[in-house]
Amino acid sequence: MKVRSKKRIRIAQRSKKVPLWLRRLGIVKAELKAARFPRTAKEGFRECMMLSTTALRWLRDSIRDAHPGANEERVEAERRLLLARLSAAEGRWLTKWRKERVRYFGR
């Protein structure tokens, strides 16, 4: 048991700045235990589809609210632009995340 604790201490000392998600792993574990996950792939797919449809509807509604009087073509163009910007931001986030993963886990 002492060997394990010494190993943990060395790992903690090696990484100067521990990421926030790792420091709060207990909170994440508790949240995941309380979550209800779909029992089958079909149920999970259906739930994902409903959430995606709802999110896209909310996005379209918020664009209509921000651009009163815009026709459907303009709303659709704005929606595509916003989704492209989100995709680019996600790409930047993934690049940063991969660097962090290599830094902490060496993979």
PDB file of N, CA and C in Angstrom:
ATOM      1  N   MET A   1       0.819  -1.193   0.000  1.00  0.00           N
ATOM      2  CA  MET A   1       0.000   0.000   0.000  1.00  0.00           C
ATOM      3  C   MET A   1       0.867   1.262   0.000  1.00  0.00           C
ATOM      4  N   LYS A   2       2.003   1.218   0.670  1.00  0.00           N
ATOM      5  CA  LYS A   2       2.903   2.367   0.693  1.00  0.00           C
ATOM      6  C   LYS A   2       3.504   2.623  -0.680  1.00  0.00           C
ATOM      7  N   VAL A   3       3.743   1.559  -1.413  1.00  0.00           N
ATOM      8  CA  VAL A   3       4.308   1.706  -2.746  1.00  0.00           C
ATOM      9  C   VAL A   3       3.338   2.467  -3.647  1.00  0.00           C
ATOM     10  N   ARG A   4       2.070   2.143  -3.560  1.00  0.00           N
ATOM     11  CA  ARG A   4       1.066   2.838  -4.372  1.00  0.00           C
ATOM     12  C   ARG A   4       0.985   4.317  -4.011  1.00  0.00           C
ATOM     13  N   SER A   5       1.006   4.623  -2.724  1.00  0.00           N
ATOM     14  CA  SER A   5       0.903   6.021  -2.321  1.00  0.00           C
ATOM     15  C   SER A   5       2.145   6.802  -2.748  1.00  0.00           C
ATOM     16  N   LYS A   6       3.318   6.185  -2.699  1.00  0.00           N
ATOM     17  CA  LYS A   6       4.534   6.864  -3.156  1.00  0.00           C
ATOM     18  C   LYS A   6       4.467   7.122  -4.655  1.00  0.00           C
ATOM     19  N   LYS A   7       3.917   6.164  -5.383  1.00  0.00           N
ATOM     20  CA  LYS A   7       3.781   6.329  -6.822  1.00  0.00           C
ATOM     21  C   LYS A   7       2.821   7.476  -7.137  1.00  0.00           C
ATOM     22  N   ARG A   8       1.732   7.561  -6.398  1.00  0.00           N
ATOM     23  CA  ARG A   8       0.782   8.652  -6.600  1.00  0.00           C
ATOM     24  C   ARG A   8       1.421   9.999  -6.301  1.00  0.00           C
ATOM     25  N   ILE A   9       2.224  10.061  -5.272  1.00  0.00           N
ATOM     26  CA  ILE A   9       2.890  11.313  -4.916  1.00  0.00           C
ATOM     27  C   ILE A   9       3.844  11.732  -6.034  1.00  0.00           C
ATOM     28  N   ARG A  10       4.585  10.768  -6.590  1.00  0.00           N
ATOM     29  CA  ARG A  10       5.505  11.085  -7.685  1.00  0.00           C
ATOM     30  C   ARG A  10       4.752  11.586  -8.911  1.00  0.00           C
ATOM     31  N   ILE A  11       3.627  10.979  -9.194  1.00  0.00           N
ATOM     32  CA  ILE A  11       2.836  11.404 -10.349  1.00  0.00           C
ATOM     33  C   ILE A  11       2.318  12.818 -10.120  1.00  0.00           C
ATOM     34  N   ALA A  12       1.850  13.105  -8.923  1.00  0.00           N
ATOM     35  CA  ALA A  12       1.332  14.435  -8.608  1.00  0.00           C
ATOM     36  C   ALA A  12       2.443  15.485  -8.671  1.00  0.00           C
ATOM     37  N   GLN A  13       3.640  15.120  -8.227  1.00  0.00           N
ATOM     38  CA  GLN A  13       4.749  16.062  -8.262  1.00  0.00           C
ATOM     39  C   GLN A  13       5.220  16.311  -9.692  1.00  0.00           C
ATOM     40  N   ARG A  14       5.124  15.287 -10.526  1.00  0.00           N
ATOM     41  CA  ARG A  14       5.580  15.408 -11.908  1.00  0.00           C
ATOM     42  C   ARG A  14       4.732  16.414 -12.685  1.00  0.00           C
ATOM     43  N   SER A  15       3.455  16.386 -12.479  1.00  0.00           N
ATOM     44  CA  SER A  15       2.591  17.335 -13.178  1.00  0.00           C
ATOM     45  C   SER A  15       2.375  18.545 -12.282  1.00  0.00           C
ATOM     46  N   LYS A  16       2.910  19.658 -12.682  1.00  0.00           N
ATOM     47  CA  LYS A  16       2.845  20.871 -11.875  1.00  0.00           C
ATOM     48  C   LYS A  16       1.424  21.421 -11.787  1.00  0.00           C
ATOM     49  N   LYS A  17       0.732  21.381 -12.904  1.00  0.00           N
ATOM     50  CA  LYS A  17      -0.600  21.971 -12.951  1.00  0.00           C
ATOM     51  C   LYS A  17      -1.599  20.876 -13.327  1.00  0.00           C
ATOM     52  N   VAL A  18      -2.339  20.420 -12.366  1.00  0.00           N
ATOM     53  CA  VAL A  18      -3.316  19.360 -12.585  1.00  0.00           C
ATOM     54  C   VAL A  18      -4.563  19.981 -13.214  1.00  0.00           C
ATOM     55  N   PRO A  19      -5.098  19.374 -14.284  1.00  0.00           N
ATOM     56  CA  PRO A  19      -6.287  19.953 -14.921  1.00  0.00           C
ATOM     57  C   PRO A  19      -7.487  19.944 -13.988  1.00  0.00           C
ATOM     58  N   LEU A  20      -8.375  20.896 -14.228  1.00  0.00           N
ATOM     59  CA  LEU A  20      -9.547  21.083 -13.374  1.00  0.00           C
ATOM     60  C   LEU A  20     -10.413  19.837 -13.324  1.00  0.00           C
ATOM     61  N   TRP A  21     -10.637  19.189 -14.478  1.00  0.00           N
ATOM     62  CA  TRP A  21     -11.509  18.013 -14.508  1.00  0.00           C
ATOM     63  C   TRP A  21     -10.947  16.883 -13.665  1.00  0.00           C
ATOM     64  N   LEU A  22      -9.610  16.800 -13.566  1.00  0.00           N
ATOM     65  CA  LEU A  22      -8.997  15.732 -12.782  1.00  0.00           C
ATOM     66  C   LEU A  22      -9.116  16.022 -11.286  1.00  0.00           C
ATOM     67  N   ARG A  23      -9.057  17.295 -10.928  1.00  0.00           N
ATOM     68  CA  ARG A  23      -9.215  17.655  -9.525  1.00  0.00           C
ATOM     69  C   ARG A  23     -10.639  17.415  -9.043  1.00  0.00           C
ATOM     70  N   ARG A  24     -11.599  17.502  -9.947  1.00  0.00           N
ATOM     71  CA  ARG A  24     -13.007  17.347  -9.574  1.00  0.00           C
ATOM     72  C   ARG A  24     -13.590  16.029 -10.074  1.00  0.00           C
ATOM     73  N   LEU A  25     -12.782  15.023 -10.145  1.00  0.00           N
ATOM     74  CA  LEU A  25     -13.224  13.740 -10.673  1.00  0.00           C
ATOM     75  C   LEU A  25     -14.322  13.118  -9.807  1.00  0.00           C
ATOM     76  N   GLY A  26     -14.275  13.324  -8.503  1.00  0.00           N
ATOM     77  CA  GLY A  26     -15.300  12.800  -7.604  1.00  0.00           C
ATOM     78  C   GLY A  26     -16.672  13.389  -7.891  1.00  0.00           C
ATOM     79  N   ILE A  27     -16.704  14.684  -8.212  1.00  0.00           N
ATOM     80  CA  ILE A  27     -17.967  15.340  -8.541  1.00  0.00           C
ATOM     81  C   ILE A  27     -18.533  14.767  -9.839  1.00  0.00           C
ATOM     82  N   VAL A  28     -17.649  14.579 -10.813  1.00  0.00           N
ATOM     83  CA  VAL A  28     -18.083  14.022 -12.098  1.00  0.00           C
ATOM     84  C   VAL A  28     -18.626  12.607 -11.905  1.00  0.00           C
ATOM     85  N   LYS A  29     -17.961  11.822 -11.084  1.00  0.00           N
ATOM     86  CA  LYS A  29     -18.409  10.453 -10.827  1.00  0.00           C
ATOM     87  C   LYS A  29     -19.807  10.452 -10.201  1.00  0.00           C
ATOM     88  N   ALA A  30     -20.033  11.345  -9.242  1.00  0.00           N
ATOM     89  CA  ALA A  30     -21.347  11.427  -8.597  1.00  0.00           C
ATOM     90  C   ALA A  30     -22.427  11.853  -9.599  1.00  0.00           C
ATOM     91  N   GLU A  31     -22.096  12.787 -10.487  1.00  0.00           N
ATOM     92  CA  GLU A  31     -23.071  13.222 -11.486  1.00  0.00           C
ATOM     93  C   GLU A  31     -23.401  12.095 -12.457  1.00  0.00           C
ATOM     94  N   LEU A  32     -22.400  11.326 -12.841  1.00  0.00           N
ATOM     95  CA  LEU A  32     -22.646  10.223 -13.770  1.00  0.00           C
ATOM     96  C   LEU A  32     -23.482   9.119 -13.133  1.00  0.00           C
ATOM     97  N   LYS A  33     -23.296   8.893 -11.839  1.00  0.00           N
ATOM     98  CA  LYS A  33     -24.100   7.873 -11.165  1.00  0.00           C
ATOM     99  C   LYS A  33     -25.569   8.270 -11.129  1.00  0.00           C
ATOM    100  N   ALA A  34     -25.820   9.567 -11.034  1.00  0.00           N
ATOM    101  CA  ALA A  34     -27.203  10.044 -10.957  1.00  0.00           C
ATOM    102  C   ALA A  34     -27.871  10.107 -12.332  1.00  0.00           C
ATOM    103  N   ALA A  35     -27.074  10.058 -13.397  1.00  0.00           N
ATOM    104  CA  ALA A  35     -27.627  10.180 -14.749  1.00  0.00           C
ATOM    105  C   ALA A  35     -28.296   8.879 -15.183  1.00  0.00           C
ATOM    106  N   ARG A  36     -29.324   9.026 -16.006  1.00  0.00           N
ATOM    107  CA  ARG A  36     -30.008   7.862 -16.568  1.00  0.00           C
ATOM    108  C   ARG A  36     -29.571   7.718 -18.013  1.00  0.00           C
ATOM    109  N   PHE A  37     -28.991   6.584 -18.339  1.00  0.00           N
ATOM    110  CA  PHE A  37     -28.513   6.334 -19.687  1.00  0.00           C
ATOM    111  C   PHE A  37     -29.500   5.431 -20.426  1.00  0.00           C
ATOM    112  N   PRO A  38     -29.595   5.555 -21.747  1.00  0.00           N
ATOM    113  CA  PRO A  38     -30.506   4.701 -22.521  1.00  0.00           C
ATOM    114  C   PRO A  38     -30.135   3.224 -22.377  1.00  0.00           C
ATOM    115  N   ARG A  39     -31.141   2.383 -22.385  1.00  0.00           N
ATOM    116  CA  ARG A  39     -30.896   0.947 -22.211  1.00  0.00           C
ATOM    117  C   ARG A  39     -30.459   0.266 -23.498  1.00  0.00           C
ATOM    118  N   THR A  40     -30.940   0.769 -24.623  1.00  0.00           N
ATOM    119  CA  THR A  40     -30.591   0.158 -25.904  1.00  0.00           C
ATOM    120  C   THR A  40     -30.032   1.223 -26.836  1.00  0.00           C
ATOM    121  N   ALA A  41     -29.376   0.763 -27.882  1.00  0.00           N
ATOM    122  CA  ALA A  41     -28.846   1.693 -28.878  1.00  0.00           C
ATOM    123  C   ALA A  41     -29.971   2.436 -29.576  1.00  0.00           C
ATOM    124  N   LYS A  42     -31.066   1.743 -29.830  1.00  0.00           N
ATOM    125  CA  LYS A  42     -32.205   2.362 -30.497  1.00  0.00           C
ATOM    126  C   LYS A  42     -32.778   3.500 -29.648  1.00  0.00           C
ATOM    127  N   GLU A  43     -32.919   3.251 -28.366  1.00  0.00           N
ATOM    128  CA  GLU A  43     -33.429   4.283 -27.452  1.00  0.00           C
ATOM    129  C   GLU A  43     -32.452   5.463 -27.382  1.00  0.00           C
ATOM    130  N   GLY A  44     -31.170   5.164 -27.340  1.00  0.00           N
ATOM    131  CA  GLY A  44     -30.162   6.223 -27.304  1.00  0.00           C
ATOM    132  C   GLY A  44     -30.161   7.059 -28.566  1.00  0.00           C
ATOM    133  N   PHE A  45     -30.284   6.393 -29.696  1.00  0.00           N
ATOM    134  CA  PHE A  45     -30.333   7.115 -30.969  1.00  0.00           C
ATOM    135  C   PHE A  45     -31.567   8.012 -31.038  1.00  0.00           C
ATOM    136  N   ARG A  46     -32.704   7.490 -30.610  1.00  0.00           N
ATOM    137  CA  ARG A  46     -33.949   8.264 -30.619  1.00  0.00           C
ATOM    138  C   ARG A  46     -33.822   9.489 -29.711  1.00  0.00           C
ATOM    139  N   GLU A  47     -33.244   9.304 -28.541  1.00  0.00           N
ATOM    140  CA  GLU A  47     -33.069  10.421 -27.604  1.00  0.00           C
ATOM    141  C   GLU A  47     -32.123  11.472 -28.183  1.00  0.00           C
ATOM    142  N   CYS A  48     -31.053  11.017 -28.806  1.00  0.00           N
ATOM    143  CA  CYS A  48     -30.093  11.932 -29.432  1.00  0.00           C
ATOM    144  C   CYS A  48     -30.750  12.726 -30.552  1.00  0.00           C
ATOM    145  N   MET A  49     -31.555  12.052 -31.344  1.00  0.00           N
ATOM    146  CA  MET A  49     -32.251  12.705 -32.444  1.00  0.00           C
ATOM    147  C   MET A  49     -33.226  13.764 -31.922  1.00  0.00           C
ATOM    148  N   MET A  50     -33.950  13.449 -30.856  1.00  0.00           N
ATOM    149  CA  MET A  50     -34.886  14.420 -30.277  1.00  0.00           C
ATOM    150  C   MET A  50     -34.141  15.644 -29.740  1.00  0.00           C
ATOM    151  N   LEU A  51     -33.020  15.416 -29.064  1.00  0.00           N
ATOM    152  CA  LEU A  51     -32.239  16.533 -28.526  1.00  0.00           C
ATOM    153  C   LEU A  51     -31.664  17.392 -29.642  1.00  0.00           C
ATOM    154  N   SER A  52     -31.180  16.760 -30.702  1.00  0.00           N
ATOM    155  CA  SER A  52     -30.627  17.512 -31.826  1.00  0.00           C
ATOM    156  C   SER A  52     -31.704  18.350 -32.510  1.00  0.00           C
ATOM    157  N   THR A  53     -32.859  17.759 -32.710  1.00  0.00           N
ATOM    158  CA  THR A  53     -33.964  18.484 -33.347  1.00  0.00           C
ATOM    159  C   THR A  53     -34.383  19.679 -32.506  1.00  0.00           C
ATOM    160  N   THR A  54     -34.461  19.481 -31.213  1.00  0.00           N
ATOM    161  CA  THR A  54     -34.834  20.572 -30.310  1.00  0.00           C
ATOM    162  C   THR A  54     -33.784  21.679 -30.341  1.00  0.00           C
ATOM    163  N   ALA A  55     -32.506  21.302 -30.291  1.00  0.00           N
ATOM    164  CA  ALA A  55     -31.435  22.298 -30.308  1.00  0.00           C
ATOM    165  C   ALA A  55     -31.436  23.091 -31.609  1.00  0.00           C
ATOM    166  N   LEU A  56     -31.642  22.423 -32.732  1.00  0.00           N
ATOM    167  CA  LEU A  56     -31.685  23.128 -34.015  1.00  0.00           C
ATOM    168  C   LEU A  56     -32.905  24.062 -34.102  1.00  0.00           C
ATOM    169  N   ARG A  57     -34.018  23.633 -33.549  1.00  0.00           N
ATOM    170  CA  ARG A  57     -35.209  24.488 -33.541  1.00  0.00           C
ATOM    171  C   ARG A  57     -34.958  25.737 -32.687  1.00  0.00           C
ATOM    172  N   TRP A  58     -34.328  25.554 -31.521  1.00  0.00           N
ATOM    173  CA  TRP A  58     -34.014  26.705 -30.671  1.00  0.00           C
ATOM    174  C   TRP A  58     -33.046  27.658 -31.366  1.00  0.00           C
ATOM    175  N   LEU A  59     -32.063  27.095 -32.064  1.00  0.00           N
ATOM    176  CA  LEU A  59     -31.112  27.928 -32.794  1.00  0.00           C
ATOM    177  C   LEU A  59     -31.828  28.731 -33.871  1.00  0.00           C
ATOM    178  N   ARG A  60     -32.687  28.086 -34.635  1.00  0.00           N
ATOM    179  CA  ARG A  60     -33.438  28.773 -35.691  1.00  0.00           C
ATOM    180  C   ARG A  60     -34.343  29.858 -35.092  1.00  0.00           C
ATOM    181  N   ASP A  61     -34.989  29.545 -33.973  1.00  0.00           N
ATOM    182  CA  ASP A  61     -35.853  30.539 -33.316  1.00  0.00           C
ATOM    183  C   ASP A  61     -35.056  31.738 -32.814  1.00  0.00           C
ATOM    184  N   SER A  62     -33.878  31.484 -32.268  1.00  0.00           N
ATOM    185  CA  SER A  62     -33.063  32.605 -31.770  1.00  0.00           C
ATOM    186  C   SER A  62     -32.552  33.462 -32.920  1.00  0.00           C
ATOM    187  N   ILE A  63     -32.267  32.845 -34.065  1.00  0.00           N
ATOM    188  CA  ILE A  63     -31.854  33.621 -35.238  1.00  0.00           C
ATOM    189  C   ILE A  63     -33.015  34.480 -35.730  1.00  0.00           C
ATOM    190  N   ARG A  64     -34.213  33.911 -35.755  1.00  0.00           N
ATOM    191  CA  ARG A  64     -35.395  34.687 -36.177  1.00  0.00           C
ATOM    192  C   ARG A  64     -35.640  35.869 -35.235  1.00  0.00           C
ATOM    193  N   ASP A  65     -35.430  35.647 -33.932  1.00  0.00           N
ATOM    194  CA  ASP A  65     -35.609  36.736 -32.964  1.00  0.00           C
ATOM    195  C   ASP A  65     -34.563  37.831 -33.153  1.00  0.00           C
ATOM    196  N   ALA A  66     -33.328  37.424 -33.509  1.00  0.00           N
ATOM    197  CA  ALA A  66     -32.249  38.399 -33.688  1.00  0.00           C
ATOM    198  C   ALA A  66     -32.371  39.149 -35.013  1.00  0.00           C
ATOM    199  N   HIS A  67     -33.018  38.522 -36.012  1.00  0.00           N
ATOM    200  CA  HIS A  67     -33.180  39.142 -37.331  1.00  0.00           C
ATOM    201  C   HIS A  67     -34.666  39.192 -37.704  1.00  0.00           C
ATOM    202  N   PRO A  68     -35.397  40.103 -37.088  1.00  0.00           N
ATOM    203  CA  PRO A  68     -36.832  40.162 -37.410  1.00  0.00           C
ATOM    204  C   PRO A  68     -37.045  40.567 -38.865  1.00  0.00           C
ATOM    205  N   GLY A  69     -37.994  39.920 -39.504  1.00  0.00           N
ATOM    206  CA  GLY A  69     -38.316  40.243 -40.889  1.00  0.00           C
ATOM    207  C   GLY A  69     -37.442  39.519 -41.907  1.00  0.00           C
ATOM    208  N   ALA A  70     -36.495  38.706 -41.458  1.00  0.00           N
ATOM    209  CA  ALA A  70     -35.637  37.974 -42.399  1.00  0.00           C
ATOM    210  C   ALA A  70     -36.415  36.808 -42.991  1.00  0.00           C
ATOM    211  N   ASN A  71     -36.165  36.544 -44.277  1.00  0.00           N
ATOM    212  CA  ASN A  71     -36.849  35.421 -44.913  1.00  0.00           C
ATOM    213  C   ASN A  71     -36.154  34.103 -44.542  1.00  0.00           C
ATOM    214  N   GLU A  72     -36.738  32.995 -44.940  1.00  0.00           N
ATOM    215  CA  GLU A  72     -36.209  31.675 -44.571  1.00  0.00           C
ATOM    216  C   GLU A  72     -34.807  31.435 -45.120  1.00  0.00           C
ATOM    217  N   GLU A  73     -34.525  31.950 -46.312  1.00  0.00           N
ATOM    218  CA  GLU A  73     -33.191  31.778 -46.898  1.00  0.00           C
ATOM    219  C   GLU A  73     -32.137  32.472 -46.049  1.00  0.00           C
ATOM    220  N   ARG A  74     -32.445  33.676 -45.587  1.00  0.00           N
ATOM    221  CA  ARG A  74     -31.496  34.435 -44.750  1.00  0.00           C
ATOM    222  C   ARG A  74     -31.300  33.745 -43.398  1.00  0.00           C
ATOM    223  N   VAL A  75     -32.371  33.230 -42.827  1.00  0.00           N
ATOM    224  CA  VAL A  75     -32.278  32.510 -41.548  1.00  0.00           C
ATOM    225  C   VAL A  75     -31.421  31.264 -41.714  1.00  0.00           C
ATOM    226  N   GLU A  76     -31.625  30.538 -42.813  1.00  0.00           N
ATOM    227  CA  GLU A  76     -30.847  29.318 -43.068  1.00  0.00           C
ATOM    228  C   GLU A  76     -29.372  29.644 -43.298  1.00  0.00           C
ATOM    229  N   ALA A  77     -29.094  30.732 -44.024  1.00  0.00           N
ATOM    230  CA  ALA A  77     -27.703  31.144 -44.256  1.00  0.00           C
ATOM    231  C   ALA A  77     -27.023  31.505 -42.934  1.00  0.00           C
ATOM    232  N   GLU A  78     -27.731  32.208 -42.087  1.00  0.00           N
ATOM    233  CA  GLU A  78     -27.173  32.585 -40.774  1.00  0.00           C
ATOM    234  C   GLU A  78     -26.944  31.348 -39.898  1.00  0.00           C
ATOM    235  N   ARG A  79     -27.861  30.397 -39.967  1.00  0.00           N
ATOM    236  CA  ARG A  79     -27.709  29.155 -39.199  1.00  0.00           C
ATOM    237  C   ARG A  79     -26.469  28.387 -39.648  1.00  0.00           C
ATOM    238  N   ARG A  80     -26.273  28.298 -40.955  1.00  0.00           N
ATOM    239  CA  ARG A  80     -25.076  27.609 -41.481  1.00  0.00           C
ATOM    240  C   ARG A  80     -23.805  28.314 -41.066  1.00  0.00           C
ATOM    241  N   LEU A  81     -23.818  29.640 -41.086  1.00  0.00           N
ATOM    242  CA  LEU A  81     -22.650  30.408 -40.670  1.00  0.00           C
ATOM    243  C   LEU A  81     -22.324  30.150 -39.203  1.00  0.00           C
ATOM    244  N   LEU A  82     -23.343  30.156 -38.353  1.00  0.00           N
ATOM    245  CA  LEU A  82     -23.122  29.900 -36.927  1.00  0.00           C
ATOM    246  C   LEU A  82     -22.603  28.486 -36.684  1.00  0.00           C
ATOM    247  N   LEU A  83     -23.163  27.512 -37.389  1.00  0.00           N
ATOM    248  CA  LEU A  83     -22.698  26.132 -37.226  1.00  0.00           C
ATOM    249  C   LEU A  83     -21.263  25.962 -37.716  1.00  0.00           C
ATOM    250  N   ALA A  84     -20.889  26.679 -38.789  1.00  0.00           N
ATOM    251  CA  ALA A  84     -19.504  26.625 -39.274  1.00  0.00           C
ATOM    252  C   ALA A  84     -18.556  27.223 -38.240  1.00  0.00           C
ATOM    253  N   ARG A  85     -18.967  28.325 -37.612  1.00  0.00           N
ATOM    254  CA  ARG A  85     -18.127  28.940 -36.576  1.00  0.00           C
ATOM    255  C   ARG A  85     -17.980  28.015 -35.370  1.00  0.00           C
ATOM    256  N   LEU A  86     -19.064  27.361 -34.981  1.00  0.00           N
ATOM    257  CA  LEU A  86     -18.996  26.410 -33.868  1.00  0.00           C
ATOM    258  C   LEU A  86     -18.090  25.232 -34.202  1.00  0.00           C
ATOM    259  N   SER A  87     -18.160  24.758 -35.440  1.00  0.00           N
ATOM    260  CA  SER A  87     -17.319  23.652 -35.861  1.00  0.00           C
ATOM    261  C   SER A  87     -15.843  24.040 -35.817  1.00  0.00           C
ATOM    262  N   ALA A  88     -15.525  25.247 -36.265  1.00  0.00           N
ATOM    263  CA  ALA A  88     -14.141  25.716 -36.229  1.00  0.00           C
ATOM    264  C   ALA A  88     -13.648  25.850 -34.791  1.00  0.00           C
ATOM    265  N   ALA A  89     -14.506  26.345 -33.919  1.00  0.00           N
ATOM    266  CA  ALA A  89     -14.130  26.478 -32.500  1.00  0.00           C
ATOM    267  C   ALA A  89     -13.899  25.102 -31.886  1.00  0.00           C
ATOM    268  N   GLU A  90     -14.733  24.140 -32.258  1.00  0.00           N
ATOM    269  CA  GLU A  90     -14.557  22.788 -31.740  1.00  0.00           C
ATOM    270  C   GLU A  90     -13.246  22.186 -32.229  1.00  0.00           C
ATOM    271  N   GLY A  91     -12.876  22.469 -33.470  1.00  0.00           N
ATOM    272  CA  GLY A  91     -11.600  21.996 -34.000  1.00  0.00           C
ATOM    273  C   GLY A  91     -10.427  22.557 -33.218  1.00  0.00           C
ATOM    274  N   ARG A  92     -10.491  23.845 -32.891  1.00  0.00           N
ATOM    275  CA  ARG A  92      -9.423  24.455 -32.081  1.00  0.00           C
ATOM    276  C   ARG A  92      -9.381  23.833 -30.690  1.00  0.00           C
ATOM    277  N   TRP A  93     -10.549  23.590 -30.121  1.00  0.00           N
ATOM    278  CA  TRP A  93     -10.605  22.984 -28.792  1.00  0.00           C
ATOM    279  C   TRP A  93     -10.014  21.573 -28.824  1.00  0.00           C
ATOM    280  N   LEU A  94     -10.335  20.798 -29.853  1.00  0.00           N
ATOM    281  CA  LEU A  94      -9.804  19.434 -29.965  1.00  0.00           C
ATOM    282  C   LEU A  94      -8.287  19.426 -30.072  1.00  0.00           C
ATOM    283  N   THR A  95      -7.733  20.361 -30.823  1.00  0.00           N
ATOM    284  CA  THR A  95      -6.277  20.454 -30.946  1.00  0.00           C
ATOM    285  C   THR A  95      -5.652  20.716 -29.580  1.00  0.00           C
ATOM    286  N   LYS A  96      -6.224  21.651 -28.842  1.00  0.00           N
ATOM    287  CA  LYS A  96      -5.705  21.969 -27.502  1.00  0.00           C
ATOM    288  C   LYS A  96      -5.872  20.773 -26.568  1.00  0.00           C
ATOM    289  N   TRP A  97      -7.017  20.101 -26.648  1.00  0.00           N
ATOM    290  CA  TRP A  97      -7.279  18.956 -25.780  1.00  0.00           C
ATOM    291  C   TRP A  97      -6.281  17.835 -26.045  1.00  0.00           C
ATOM    292  N   ARG A  98      -5.966  17.581 -27.305  1.00  0.00           N
ATOM    293  CA  ARG A  98      -5.004  16.525 -27.636  1.00  0.00           C
ATOM    294  C   ARG A  98      -3.633  16.833 -27.056  1.00  0.00           C
ATOM    295  N   LYS A  99      -3.213  18.099 -27.108  1.00  0.00           N
ATOM    296  CA  LYS A  99      -1.932  18.489 -26.515  1.00  0.00           C
ATOM    297  C   LYS A  99      -1.953  18.250 -25.008  1.00  0.00           C
ATOM    298  N   GLU A 100      -3.068  18.607 -24.367  1.00  0.00           N
ATOM    299  CA  GLU A 100      -3.191  18.394 -22.923  1.00  0.00           C
ATOM    300  C   GLU A 100      -3.176  16.897 -22.599  1.00  0.00           C
ATOM    301  N   ARG A 101      -3.854  16.099 -23.410  1.00  0.00           N
ATOM    302  CA  ARG A 101      -3.883  14.659 -23.176  1.00  0.00           C
ATOM    303  C   ARG A 101      -2.475  14.081 -23.241  1.00  0.00           C
ATOM    304  N   VAL A 102      -1.698  14.489 -24.230  1.00  0.00           N
ATOM    305  CA  VAL A 102      -0.332  14.010 -24.360  1.00  0.00           C
ATOM    306  C   VAL A 102       0.504  14.472 -23.162  1.00  0.00           C
ATOM    307  N   ARG A 103       0.270  15.694 -22.744  1.00  0.00           N
ATOM    308  CA  ARG A 103       1.031  16.237 -21.610  1.00  0.00           C
ATOM    309  C   ARG A 103       0.812  15.447 -20.334  1.00  0.00           C
ATOM    310  N   TYR A 104      -0.437  15.067 -20.070  1.00  0.00           N
ATOM    311  CA  TYR A 104      -0.739  14.392 -18.812  1.00  0.00           C
ATOM    312  C   TYR A 104      -0.697  12.869 -18.900  1.00  0.00           C
ATOM    313  N   PHE A 105      -0.999  12.312 -20.058  1.00  0.00           N
ATOM    314  CA  PHE A 105      -1.090  10.863 -20.148  1.00  0.00           C
ATOM    315  C   PHE A 105      -0.056  10.251 -21.087  1.00  0.00           C
ATOM    316  N   GLY A 106       0.665  11.053 -21.820  1.00  0.00           N
ATOM    317  CA  GLY A 106       1.727  10.549 -22.679  1.00  0.00           C
ATOM    318  C   GLY A 106       1.252   9.731 -23.870  1.00  0.00           C
ATOM    319  N   ARG A 107       0.056  10.002 -24.378  1.00  0.00           N
ATOM    320  CA  ARG A 107      -0.451   9.256 -25.528  1.00  0.00           C
ATOM    321  C   ARG A 107      -0.702  10.180 -26.671  1.00  0.00           C
TER     322      ARG A 107
END
